[in-house]
C-alpha atoms as a PDB file:
ATOM      1  CA  MET A   1      -6.102 -22.540   5.921  1.00  0.00           C
ATOM      2  CA  PRO A   2      -2.568 -22.371   7.264  1.00  0.00           C
ATOM      3  CA  ILE A   3      -0.571 -19.205   7.697  1.00  0.00           C
ATOM      4  CA  THR A   4       1.095 -18.256   4.428  1.00  0.00           C
ATOM      5  CA  GLU A   5       4.201 -16.073   4.385  1.00  0.00           C
ATOM      6  CA  PHE A   6       4.540 -13.386   1.748  1.00  0.00           C
ATOM      7  CA  SER A   7       7.755 -11.484   1.141  1.00  0.00           C
ATOM      8  CA  SER A   8       9.331  -8.673  -0.797  1.00  0.00           C
ATOM      9  CA  ILE A   9      13.002  -7.910  -1.331  1.00  0.00           C
ATOM     10  CA  VAL A  10      13.779  -4.203  -1.638  1.00  0.00           C
ATOM     11  CA  THR A  11      17.044  -2.999  -3.164  1.00  0.00           C
ATOM     12  CA  SER A  12      18.479   0.264  -4.415  1.00  0.00           C
ATOM     13  CA  GLY A  13      17.083   1.182  -7.825  1.00  0.00           C
ATOM     14  CA  GLU A  14      19.315   1.202 -10.888  1.00  0.00           C
ATOM     15  CA  GLN A  15      18.820   4.940 -11.356  1.00  0.00           C
ATOM     16  CA  GLY A  16      20.296   5.738  -7.939  1.00  0.00           C
ATOM     17  CA  GLY A  17      19.028   8.605  -5.843  1.00  0.00           C
ATOM     18  CA  LEU A  18      16.123   7.610  -3.652  1.00  0.00           C
ATOM     19  CA  GLN A  19      14.702   5.048  -6.077  1.00  0.00           C
ATOM     20  CA  MET A  20      14.037   1.584  -4.646  1.00  0.00           C
ATOM     21  CA  GLN A  21      13.182  -1.619  -6.454  1.00  0.00           C
ATOM     22  CA  CYS A  22      10.732  -4.033  -4.786  1.00  0.00           C
ATOM     23  CA  ALA A  23      10.587  -7.664  -5.931  1.00  0.00           C
ATOM     24  CA  SER A  24       8.016 -10.313  -5.001  1.00  0.00           C
ATOM     25  CA  ARG A  25       7.917 -13.622  -6.803  1.00  0.00           C
ATOM     26  CA  GLN A  26       8.568 -12.804 -10.498  1.00  0.00           C
ATOM     27  CA  PHE A  27       7.227  -9.223 -10.241  1.00  0.00           C
ATOM     28  CA  GLN A  28       9.025  -5.916  -9.719  1.00  0.00           C
ATOM     29  CA  LEU A  29       7.879  -2.459  -8.714  1.00  0.00           C
ATOM     30  CA  LEU A  30       9.891   0.762  -8.626  1.00  0.00           C
ATOM     31  CA  LEU A  31       9.331   3.421  -5.968  1.00  0.00           C
ATOM     32  CA  ASP A  32      10.810   6.903  -5.783  1.00  0.00           C
ATOM     33  CA  GLU A  33       9.986  10.314  -4.385  1.00  0.00           C
ATOM     34  CA  PRO A  34       8.874  13.443  -6.200  1.00  0.00           C
ATOM     35  CA  THR A  35      11.580  16.036  -6.801  1.00  0.00           C
ATOM     36  CA  SER A  36      10.046  18.207  -4.063  1.00  0.00           C
ATOM     37  CA  LEU A  37      11.032  15.464  -1.570  1.00  0.00           C
ATOM     38  CA  GLY A  38      14.503  14.776  -2.998  1.00  0.00           C
ATOM     39  CA  GLY A  39      13.723  12.086  -5.559  1.00  0.00           C
ATOM     40  CA  LYS A  40      13.799  11.965  -9.347  1.00  0.00           C
ATOM     41  CA  ASP A  41      10.005  11.534  -9.697  1.00  0.00           C
ATOM     42  CA  SER A  42      10.526   8.300 -11.641  1.00  0.00           C
ATOM     43  CA  ALA A  43       7.768   6.331  -9.877  1.00  0.00           C
ATOM     44  CA  MET A  44       5.134   6.475  -7.141  1.00  0.00           C
ATOM     45  CA  ASN A  45       6.449   7.088  -3.678  1.00  0.00           C
ATOM     46  CA  PRO A  46       5.900   4.537  -0.888  1.00  0.00           C
ATOM     47  CA  VAL A  47       2.864   6.263   0.638  1.00  0.00           C
ATOM     48  CA  GLU A  48       1.186   6.522  -2.775  1.00  0.00           C
ATOM     49  CA  ALA A  49       1.911   2.829  -3.323  1.00  0.00           C
ATOM     50  CA  LEU A  50       0.352   2.090   0.099  1.00  0.00           C
ATOM     51  CA  LEU A  51      -2.845   3.935  -0.910  1.00  0.00           C
ATOM     52  CA  GLY A  52      -2.902   2.096  -4.242  1.00  0.00           C
ATOM     53  CA  THR A  53      -2.313  -1.203  -2.521  1.00  0.00           C
ATOM     54  CA  LEU A  54      -5.169  -0.543  -0.099  1.00  0.00           C
ATOM     55  CA  GLY A  55      -7.551   0.353  -2.943  1.00  0.00           C
ATOM     56  CA  ALA A  56      -6.457  -2.628  -5.035  1.00  0.00           C
ATOM     57  CA  CYS A  57      -6.959  -5.012  -2.114  1.00  0.00           C
ATOM     58  CA  LYS A  58     -10.471  -3.671  -1.504  1.00  0.00           C
ATOM     59  CA  GLY A  59     -11.198  -3.984  -5.215  1.00  0.00           C
ATOM     60  CA  ILE A  60      -9.929  -7.569  -5.374  1.00  0.00           C
ATOM     61  CA  VAL A  61     -12.054  -8.510  -2.369  1.00  0.00           C
ATOM     62  CA  ALA A  62     -15.078  -6.855  -4.004  1.00  0.00           C
ATOM     63  CA  LYS A  63     -14.572  -8.633  -7.308  1.00  0.00           C
ATOM     64  CA  SER A  64     -13.860 -11.957  -5.603  1.00  0.00           C
ATOM     65  CA  VAL A  65     -16.995 -12.037  -3.464  1.00  0.00           C
ATOM     66  CA  ALA A  66     -19.517 -10.035  -5.501  1.00  0.00           C
ATOM     67  CA  ARG A  67     -21.283 -13.110  -6.918  1.00  0.00           C
ATOM     68  CA  MET A  68     -21.372 -14.790  -3.495  1.00  0.00           C
ATOM     69  CA  HIS A  69     -23.143 -11.668  -2.133  1.00  0.00           C
ATOM     70  CA  ARG A  70     -25.483 -11.550  -5.132  1.00  0.00           C
ATOM     71  CA  ILE A  71     -24.011  -8.252  -6.263  1.00  0.00           C
ATOM     72  CA  LYS A  72     -24.308  -7.721  -9.997  1.00  0.00           C
ATOM     73  CA  LEU A  73     -21.047  -5.768 -10.207  1.00  0.00           C
ATOM     74  CA  ASN A  74     -20.611  -4.142 -13.604  1.00  0.00           C
ATOM     75  CA  ASP A  75     -17.674  -1.895 -12.692  1.00  0.00           C
ATOM     76  CA  ILE A  76     -15.810  -0.634  -9.657  1.00  0.00           C
ATOM     77  CA  ARG A  77     -13.452   2.295  -9.131  1.00  0.00           C
ATOM     78  CA  ILE A  78     -11.917   3.100  -5.781  1.00  0.00           C
ATOM     79  CA  GLU A  79     -10.333   6.421  -4.807  1.00  0.00           C
ATOM     80  CA  VAL A  80      -8.098   6.325  -1.764  1.00  0.00           C
ATOM     81  CA  LYS A  81      -6.673   9.500  -0.288  1.00  0.00           C
ATOM     82  CA  GLY A  82      -4.309  10.002   2.606  1.00  0.00           C
ATOM     83  CA  GLU A  83      -3.432  13.087   4.630  1.00  0.00           C
ATOM     84  CA  LEU A  84       0.224  13.296   5.609  1.00  0.00           C
ATOM     85  CA  ASP A  85       2.148  16.163   7.228  1.00  0.00           C
ATOM     86  CA  THR A  86       5.544  16.012   5.510  1.00  0.00           C
ATOM     87  CA  ASP A  87       7.013  18.099   8.338  1.00  0.00           C
ATOM     88  CA  GLY A  88       6.661  14.965  10.502  1.00  0.00           C
ATOM     89  CA  PHE A  89       9.034  12.649   8.632  1.00  0.00           C
ATOM     90  CA  THR A  90      11.394  15.473   7.579  1.00  0.00           C
ATOM     91  CA  GLY A  91      11.884  16.404  11.234  1.00  0.00           C
ATOM     92  CA  LYS A  92      10.693  19.998  10.800  1.00  0.00           C
ATOM     93  CA  ASN A  93       7.867  19.461  13.281  1.00  0.00           C
ATOM     94  CA  LYS A  94       8.617  17.009  16.116  1.00  0.00           C
ATOM     95  CA  GLN A  95       4.930  17.054  17.151  1.00  0.00           C
ATOM     96  CA  ALA A  96       3.584  16.040  13.708  1.00  0.00           C
ATOM     97  CA  LYS A  97       2.572  12.439  13.071  1.00  0.00           C
ATOM     98  CA  ILE A  98       5.111  10.769  10.771  1.00  0.00           C
ATOM     99  CA  GLY A  99       2.633   8.661   8.819  1.00  0.00           C
ATOM    100  CA  PHE A 100      -0.869   9.255   7.524  1.00  0.00           C
ATOM    101  CA  SER A 101      -3.213  10.980   9.959  1.00  0.00           C
ATOM    102  CA  LYS A 102      -6.284  10.144   7.865  1.00  0.00           C
ATOM    103  CA  ILE A 103      -7.068   7.733   5.029  1.00  0.00           C
ATOM    104  CA  THR A 104     -10.378   7.931   3.161  1.00  0.00           C
ATOM    105  CA  THR A 105     -11.831   5.482   0.642  1.00  0.00           C
ATOM    106  CA  HIS A 106     -14.600   6.273  -1.814  1.00  0.00           C
ATOM    107  CA  PHE A 107     -16.158   3.483  -3.856  1.00  0.00           C
ATOM    108  CA  PHE A 108     -17.727   4.196  -7.241  1.00  0.00           C
ATOM    109  CA  ILE A 109     -19.819   1.121  -7.995  1.00  0.00           C
ATOM    110  CA  GLN A 110     -21.906   0.261 -11.022  1.00  0.00           C
ATOM    111  CA  ALA A 111     -24.239  -2.522 -10.010  1.00  0.00           C
ATOM    112  CA  ASP A 112     -27.844  -3.546 -10.381  1.00  0.00           C
ATOM    113  CA  ASN A 113     -28.494  -3.679  -6.651  1.00  0.00           C
ATOM    114  CA  SER A 114     -30.224  -1.616  -3.991  1.00  0.00           C
ATOM    115  CA  GLU A 115     -28.484   0.971  -1.785  1.00  0.00           C
ATOM    116  CA  GLU A 116     -28.916  -1.383   1.187  1.00  0.00           C
ATOM    117  CA  GLU A 117     -27.303  -4.291  -0.632  1.00  0.00           C
ATOM    118  CA  ILE A 118     -24.351  -2.152  -1.715  1.00  0.00           C
ATOM    119  CA  ALA A 119     -23.906  -0.710   1.796  1.00  0.00           C
ATOM    120  CA  ALA A 120     -23.805  -4.250   3.238  1.00  0.00           C
ATOM    121  CA  PHE A 121     -21.382  -5.287   0.500  1.00  0.00           C
ATOM    122  CA  ILE A 122     -19.045  -2.372   1.272  1.00  0.00           C
ATOM    123  CA  ALA A 123     -19.206  -3.180   4.999  1.00  0.00           C
ATOM    124  CA  PHE A 124     -18.186  -6.761   4.193  1.00  0.00           C
ATOM    125  CA  ILE A 125     -15.248  -5.536   2.072  1.00  0.00           C
ATOM    126  CA  GLU A 126     -14.074  -3.255   4.898  1.00  0.00           C
ATOM    127  CA  ARG A 127     -14.246  -6.181   7.374  1.00  0.00           C
ATOM    128  CA  THR A 128     -12.387  -8.669   5.191  1.00  0.00           C
ATOM    129  CA  CYS A 129      -9.723  -6.709   3.289  1.00  0.00           C
ATOM    130  CA  PRO A 130      -6.303  -7.944   4.545  1.00  0.00           C
ATOM    131  CA  VAL A 131      -4.467  -4.684   3.776  1.00  0.00           C
ATOM    132  CA  PHE A 132      -7.144  -2.592   5.532  1.00  0.00           C
ATOM    133  CA  ASP A 133      -7.026  -4.937   8.539  1.00  0.00           C
ATOM    134  CA  THR A 134      -3.227  -4.586   8.635  1.00  0.00           C
ATOM    135  CA  ILE A 135      -3.541  -0.791   8.767  1.00  0.00           C
ATOM    136  CA  LYS A 136      -6.345  -0.762  11.330  1.00  0.00           C
ATOM    137  CA  ASN A 137      -4.843  -3.507  13.528  1.00  0.00           C
ATOM    138  CA  PRO A 138      -1.070  -3.293  13.200  1.00  0.00           C
ATOM    139  CA  PRO A 139       0.817  -6.577  13.293  1.00  0.00           C
ATOM    140  CA  ILE A 140       3.779  -7.356  15.485  1.00  0.00           C
ATOM    141  CA  CYS A 141       6.737  -5.776  13.690  1.00  0.00           C
ATOM    142  CA  GLU A 142      10.281  -6.978  14.154  1.00  0.00           C
ATOM    143  CA  THR A 143      13.425  -5.464  12.661  1.00  0.00           C
ATOM    144  CA  SER A 144      16.885  -6.984  12.363  1.00  0.00           C
ATOM    145  CA  TYR A 145      19.984  -6.134  10.367  1.00  0.00           C
ATOM    146  CA  SER A 146      23.223  -7.525   8.976  1.00  0.00           C
ATOM    147  CA  LEU A 147      26.290  -5.396   8.383  1.00  0.00           C
ATOM    148  CA  GLU A 148      27.760  -6.429   5.042  1.00  0.00           C
ATOM    149  CA  LYS A 149      31.128  -5.358   3.753  1.00  0.00           C
ATOM    150  CA  SER A 150      31.137  -3.909   0.279  1.00  0.00           C
ATOM    151  CA  THR A 151      33.302  -5.706  -2.260  1.00  0.00           C
ATOM    152  CA  GLU A 152      35.509  -2.608  -2.469  1.00  0.00           C
ATOM    153  CA  ASP A 153      36.415  -2.996   1.236  1.00  0.00           C
ATOM    154  CA  ILE A 154      37.537  -6.623   0.944  1.00  0.00           C
ATOM    155  CA  ALA A 155      41.258  -7.163   0.452  1.00  0.00           C
ATOM    156  CA  ILE A 156      42.145  -9.859  -2.079  1.00  0.00           C
END
């Protein structure tokens, strides 16, 4: 299968403050920060969304391949937790890691299979989840910018 490009456009949210609006295809997602971090607590913050995205990706992989692996999956719930020292990104501690220092995933699976079959199934999910692979094996990241004049700065 060829390489497929996915994209998201992120803009300032309508409520102002720290809120951001993310758009991909015809879908939109709002992100904000809790009041303790300067936001209005109107939505998940980006690191919470990352954890949710990781869990959702693992769940989608599980549901997509369960039948192929002869897993009789009745239900799945995934709890993803991340440890983050907020002193890192706020600059209070220059030695602290800025992002997550630890991410843990716990699967709650209802299936009519043996422990060995479920363990092999989970190992397969961990090997083939694109979001998990992106976190474990970071891609090449490039950043660019354009300086745009606001409409208020343009003389007519």
